Amino acid sequence: MYLARYFHRNPIKALFCQRPEEWEYSNYRDVIGQRHGTLCDFSPVLACFANDPQVYREFVLDPLADGWEPRLIKKIHAMEAKRRNEKKA
């Protein structure tokens, strides 16, 4: 997870852009659904985020991502519980 975040934030750190989606040589826009490219299969990493590109986007943009695991786990559990409840209804 953190390696993917590093890759997507690296152009910002290098001052090539201000936001990860501005760097055209990255698959970040593909991952968050803003572009449909074929740079690589990101599904294994996205699976760590309940297959929700928005959750991954929040993780990448969060300046305090080092403490993200507890919040991520709570968010994923809540999303999974919501999906289970929707299937029951």
C-alpha atoms as a PDB file:
ATOM      1  CA  MET A   1       0.000   0.000   0.000  1.00  0.00           C
ATOM      2  CA  TYR A   2       2.656   2.471   1.009  1.00  0.00           C
ATOM      3  CA  LEU A   3       4.811   1.672  -2.004  1.00  0.00           C
ATOM      4  CA  ALA A   4       1.895   2.450  -4.339  1.00  0.00           C
ATOM      5  CA  ARG A   5       1.277   5.676  -2.411  1.00  0.00           C
ATOM      6  CA  TYR A   6       4.978   6.544  -2.723  1.00  0.00           C
ATOM      7  CA  PHE A   7       4.894   6.030  -6.499  1.00  0.00           C
ATOM      8  CA  HIS A   8       1.825   8.178  -6.920  1.00  0.00           C
ATOM      9  CA  ARG A   9       3.071  10.967  -4.635  1.00  0.00           C
ATOM     10  CA  ASN A  10       6.652  10.990  -5.915  1.00  0.00           C
ATOM     11  CA  PRO A  11       6.011  13.488  -8.786  1.00  0.00           C
ATOM     12  CA  ILE A  12       4.616  15.910  -6.189  1.00  0.00           C
ATOM     13  CA  LYS A  13       7.687  15.542  -4.005  1.00  0.00           C
ATOM     14  CA  ALA A  14       9.911  16.102  -7.057  1.00  0.00           C
ATOM     15  CA  LEU A  15       7.928  19.283  -7.814  1.00  0.00           C
ATOM     16  CA  PHE A  16       6.748  18.029 -11.218  1.00  0.00           C
ATOM     17  CA  CYS A  17       3.116  18.635 -10.283  1.00  0.00           C
ATOM     18  CA  GLN A  18       0.910  19.640  -7.360  1.00  0.00           C
ATOM     19  CA  ARG A  19      -1.552  16.737  -7.459  1.00  0.00           C
ATOM     20  CA  PRO A  20      -0.941  13.091  -8.426  1.00  0.00           C
ATOM     21  CA  GLU A  21      -3.562  13.162 -11.195  1.00  0.00           C
ATOM     22  CA  GLU A  22      -1.640  15.944 -12.949  1.00  0.00           C
ATOM     23  CA  TRP A  23       1.328  13.658 -13.730  1.00  0.00           C
ATOM     24  CA  GLU A  24       0.480  12.177 -17.129  1.00  0.00           C
ATOM     25  CA  TYR A  25       3.060   9.371 -16.897  1.00  0.00           C
ATOM     26  CA  SER A  26       1.387   7.797 -13.871  1.00  0.00           C
ATOM     27  CA  ASN A  27      -1.447   5.293 -13.740  1.00  0.00           C
ATOM     28  CA  TYR A  28      -2.984   7.182 -10.807  1.00  0.00           C
ATOM     29  CA  ARG A  29      -5.822   8.551 -12.961  1.00  0.00           C
ATOM     30  CA  ASP A  30      -6.539   5.011 -14.146  1.00  0.00           C
ATOM     31  CA  VAL A  31      -6.730   3.769 -10.575  1.00  0.00           C
ATOM     32  CA  ILE A  32      -9.151   6.454  -9.412  1.00  0.00           C
ATOM     33  CA  GLY A  33     -11.320   6.123 -12.527  1.00  0.00           C
ATOM     34  CA  GLN A  34     -10.453   9.368 -14.320  1.00  0.00           C
ATOM     35  CA  ARG A  35      -8.821   7.600 -17.275  1.00  0.00           C
ATOM     36  CA  HIS A  36      -8.954   4.093 -18.730  1.00  0.00           C
ATOM     37  CA  GLY A  37      -5.409   3.086 -19.537  1.00  0.00           C
ATOM     38  CA  THR A  38      -3.457  -0.137 -19.573  1.00  0.00           C
ATOM     39  CA  LEU A  39      -0.238   0.763 -17.746  1.00  0.00           C
ATOM     40  CA  CYS A  40      -0.597  -2.067 -15.235  1.00  0.00           C
ATOM     41  CA  ASP A  41      -3.098  -4.158 -13.312  1.00  0.00           C
ATOM     42  CA  PHE A  42      -3.649  -2.314 -10.054  1.00  0.00           C
ATOM     43  CA  SER A  43      -6.423  -4.591  -8.767  1.00  0.00           C
ATOM     44  CA  PRO A  44      -4.290  -6.349  -6.094  1.00  0.00           C
ATOM     45  CA  VAL A  45      -3.505  -3.011  -4.451  1.00  0.00           C
ATOM     46  CA  LEU A  46      -7.027  -1.687  -4.911  1.00  0.00           C
ATOM     47  CA  ALA A  47      -8.335  -4.837  -3.199  1.00  0.00           C
ATOM     48  CA  CYS A  48      -6.644  -3.577  -0.014  1.00  0.00           C
ATOM     49  CA  PHE A  49      -8.977  -0.586  -0.212  1.00  0.00           C
ATOM     50  CA  ALA A  50     -12.250  -2.547  -0.554  1.00  0.00           C
ATOM     51  CA  ASN A  51     -11.913  -2.129  -4.349  1.00  0.00           C
ATOM     52  CA  ASP A  52     -12.948   1.481  -3.904  1.00  0.00           C
ATOM     53  CA  PRO A  53     -10.845   3.977  -5.881  1.00  0.00           C
ATOM     54  CA  GLN A  54     -12.115   6.828  -3.688  1.00  0.00           C
ATOM     55  CA  VAL A  55     -10.696   5.181  -0.557  1.00  0.00           C
ATOM     56  CA  TYR A  56      -7.338   4.772  -2.307  1.00  0.00           C
ATOM     57  CA  ARG A  57      -7.483   8.413  -3.424  1.00  0.00           C
ATOM     58  CA  GLU A  58      -8.044   9.529   0.178  1.00  0.00           C
ATOM     59  CA  PHE A  59      -5.056   7.428   1.244  1.00  0.00           C
ATOM     60  CA  VAL A  60      -2.768   8.943  -1.409  1.00  0.00           C
ATOM     61  CA  LEU A  61      -3.824  12.510  -0.667  1.00  0.00           C
ATOM     62  CA  ASP A  62      -3.712  12.174   3.125  1.00  0.00           C
ATOM     63  CA  PRO A  63      -0.571  13.930   4.405  1.00  0.00           C
ATOM     64  CA  LEU A  64      -0.702  11.806   7.577  1.00  0.00           C
ATOM     65  CA  ALA A  65      -0.995   8.406   5.906  1.00  0.00           C
ATOM     66  CA  ASP A  66       1.395   6.797   8.390  1.00  0.00           C
ATOM     67  CA  GLY A  67      -1.495   6.401  10.822  1.00  0.00           C
ATOM     68  CA  TRP A  68      -3.955   5.377   8.156  1.00  0.00           C
ATOM     69  CA  GLU A  69      -4.344   1.644   8.864  1.00  0.00           C
ATOM     70  CA  PRO A  70      -6.827   1.924  11.763  1.00  0.00           C
ATOM     71  CA  ARG A  71      -8.976   4.409   9.852  1.00  0.00           C
ATOM     72  CA  LEU A  72      -8.736   2.347   6.671  1.00  0.00           C
ATOM     73  CA  ILE A  73      -9.737  -0.851   8.441  1.00  0.00           C
ATOM     74  CA  LYS A  74     -12.738   0.851  10.070  1.00  0.00           C
ATOM     75  CA  LYS A  75     -13.804   2.334   6.750  1.00  0.00           C
ATOM     76  CA  ILE A  76     -13.496  -0.987   4.923  1.00  0.00           C
ATOM     77  CA  HIS A  77     -15.448  -2.826   7.645  1.00  0.00           C
ATOM     78  CA  ALA A  78     -18.192  -0.204   7.443  1.00  0.00           C
ATOM     79  CA  MET A  79     -18.331  -0.502   3.649  1.00  0.00           C
ATOM     80  CA  GLU A  80     -18.473  -4.298   3.811  1.00  0.00           C
ATOM     81  CA  ALA A  81     -21.220  -4.197   6.448  1.00  0.00           C
ATOM     82  CA  LYS A  82     -23.220  -1.792   4.276  1.00  0.00           C
ATOM     83  CA  ARG A  83     -22.846  -4.098   1.266  1.00  0.00           C
ATOM     84  CA  ARG A  84     -23.979  -7.119   3.336  1.00  0.00           C
ATOM     85  CA  ASN A  85     -27.017  -5.207   4.574  1.00  0.00           C
ATOM     86  CA  GLU A  86     -27.895  -4.098   1.040  1.00  0.00           C
ATOM     87  CA  LYS A  87     -27.712  -7.713  -0.168  1.00  0.00           C
ATOM     88  CA  LYS A  88     -30.056  -8.831   2.645  1.00  0.00           C
ATOM     89  CA  ALA A  89     -32.620  -6.160   1.775  1.00  0.00           C
END
